[in-house]
Amino acid sequence: MKKILLVEDDPNLGLLLQDYLQLKGKFDVVLCKDGEEGLRAFTKQTYDLLILDVMMPKKDGFTLGKEIRKINPRVPIIFATAKAMIEDKTQAFNLGGDDYITKPFRM
């Protein structure tokens, strides 16, 4: 079973995404509520995909993505955020992001 690390500070959206991916996609999803917790989880296990919220407390998703890229330059990263400006998208891809999804989005 493929393993996903989902880092999302909105508890409702985080649980909804986790449930959806586990039930519909049949993925094992680890949900973390902030960037610091996400980094700890990343260093303890191997993941097939990361979904990182950008605007989070303690450590934002861009910072988390940059730190993860130093550890593993190959793991796919999807940034999910309400930030829709081209500068934000450019920053995400320059940090090594593989995709950028703006909220709200359809499942």
Protein backbone atom coordinates (compact mmCIF):
# COMPACT_ATOMS: atom_id res chain seq x y z
CA MET A 1 0.00 0.00 0.00
CA LYS A 2 1.31 3.45 -0.93
CA LYS A 3 1.99 5.81 1.98
CA ILE A 4 1.13 9.54 1.93
CA LEU A 5 2.25 12.22 4.36
CA LEU A 6 -0.46 14.89 4.57
CA VAL A 7 0.49 18.05 6.45
CA GLU A 8 -2.58 20.28 6.90
CA ASP A 9 -3.35 22.61 9.81
CA ASP A 10 -7.11 22.83 9.14
CA PRO A 11 -8.44 19.86 11.14
CA ASN A 12 -11.65 19.54 9.11
CA LEU A 13 -9.93 19.59 5.72
CA GLY A 14 -7.12 17.37 6.98
CA LEU A 15 -9.48 14.67 8.23
CA LEU A 16 -11.64 14.92 5.11
CA LEU A 17 -8.62 14.48 2.81
CA GLN A 18 -7.22 11.69 4.95
CA ASP A 19 -10.52 9.78 4.93
CA TYR A 20 -11.03 10.33 1.20
CA LEU A 21 -7.54 9.13 0.27
CA GLN A 22 -7.76 6.12 2.56
CA LEU A 23 -11.23 5.05 1.44
CA LYS A 24 -11.25 5.96 -2.25
CA GLY A 25 -7.57 5.73 -3.07
CA LYS A 26 -6.74 2.96 -0.64
CA PHE A 27 -3.65 4.81 0.59
CA ASP A 28 -2.12 4.75 4.05
CA VAL A 29 -2.27 8.44 5.06
CA VAL A 30 -0.40 9.98 7.98
CA LEU A 31 -1.92 13.36 8.94
CA CYS A 32 0.16 16.03 10.70
CA LYS A 33 -1.18 19.38 11.91
CA ASP A 34 1.87 21.60 11.38
CA GLY A 35 5.23 21.72 9.63
CA GLU A 36 7.30 20.70 12.65
CA GLU A 37 5.17 17.60 13.22
CA GLY A 38 5.35 16.89 9.49
CA LEU A 39 9.16 16.99 9.47
CA ARG A 40 9.33 14.64 12.46
CA ALA A 41 6.98 12.20 10.72
CA PHE A 42 8.97 12.42 7.48
CA THR A 43 12.24 11.54 9.20
CA LYS A 44 10.71 8.48 10.90
CA GLN A 45 9.15 6.74 7.87
CA THR A 46 9.35 6.46 4.10
CA TYR A 47 6.56 8.05 2.06
CA ASP A 48 5.53 7.71 -1.57
CA LEU A 49 3.94 11.18 -1.75
CA LEU A 50 3.77 14.35 0.34
CA ILE A 51 0.87 16.80 0.35
CA LEU A 52 1.88 20.00 2.13
CA ASP A 53 -0.31 22.93 3.06
CA VAL A 54 1.63 26.16 2.59
CA MET A 55 0.24 28.44 5.31
CA MET A 56 0.71 26.62 8.63
CA PRO A 57 1.81 27.49 12.15
CA LYS A 58 5.30 26.72 13.46
CA LYS A 59 6.73 25.90 10.01
CA ASP A 60 5.14 26.80 6.68
CA GLY A 61 4.89 24.31 3.82
CA PHE A 62 7.53 26.02 1.67
CA THR A 63 10.08 25.81 4.51
CA LEU A 64 9.09 22.20 5.17
CA GLY A 65 9.40 21.33 1.48
CA LYS A 66 12.85 22.91 1.29
CA GLU A 67 14.03 20.95 4.33
CA ILE A 68 12.60 17.71 2.95
CA ARG A 69 14.30 18.26 -0.40
CA LYS A 70 17.67 18.35 1.42
CA ILE A 71 16.88 14.94 2.90
CA ASN A 72 15.18 13.36 -0.13
CA PRO A 73 15.31 15.11 -3.50
CA ARG A 74 13.08 12.53 -5.21
CA VAL A 75 9.94 12.13 -3.11
CA PRO A 76 6.98 13.77 -4.93
CA ILE A 77 5.65 16.91 -3.23
CA ILE A 78 2.28 18.53 -3.90
CA PHE A 79 1.72 21.94 -2.35
CA ALA A 80 -1.93 22.67 -1.50
CA THR A 81 -2.81 26.25 -0.63
CA ALA A 82 -5.19 29.16 -0.99
CA LYS A 83 -2.28 31.26 -2.30
CA ALA A 84 -2.94 31.61 -6.02
CA MET A 85 -0.43 34.25 -7.11
CA ILE A 86 2.07 33.27 -9.80
CA GLU A 87 4.94 34.21 -7.46
CA ASP A 88 3.76 31.58 -4.95
CA LYS A 89 3.49 28.93 -7.64
CA THR A 90 6.94 29.82 -8.95
CA GLN A 91 8.38 29.58 -5.45
CA ALA A 92 6.80 26.15 -4.96
CA PHE A 93 8.29 24.78 -8.16
CA ASN A 94 11.67 26.40 -7.48
CA LEU A 95 11.72 24.59 -4.12
CA GLY A 96 11.28 21.29 -5.90
CA GLY A 97 7.51 20.92 -5.77
CA ASP A 98 6.00 18.56 -8.32
CA ASP A 99 2.53 20.11 -8.35
CA TYR A 100 0.60 23.04 -6.87
CA ILE A 101 -3.11 22.84 -6.05
CA THR A 102 -5.10 25.92 -5.05
CA LYS A 103 -7.87 25.66 -2.48
CA PRO A 104 -10.71 25.16 -2.70
CA PHE A 105 -10.40 22.15 -4.99
CA ARG A 106 -12.58 19.24 -5.99
CA MET A 107 -11.72 15.79 -4.81
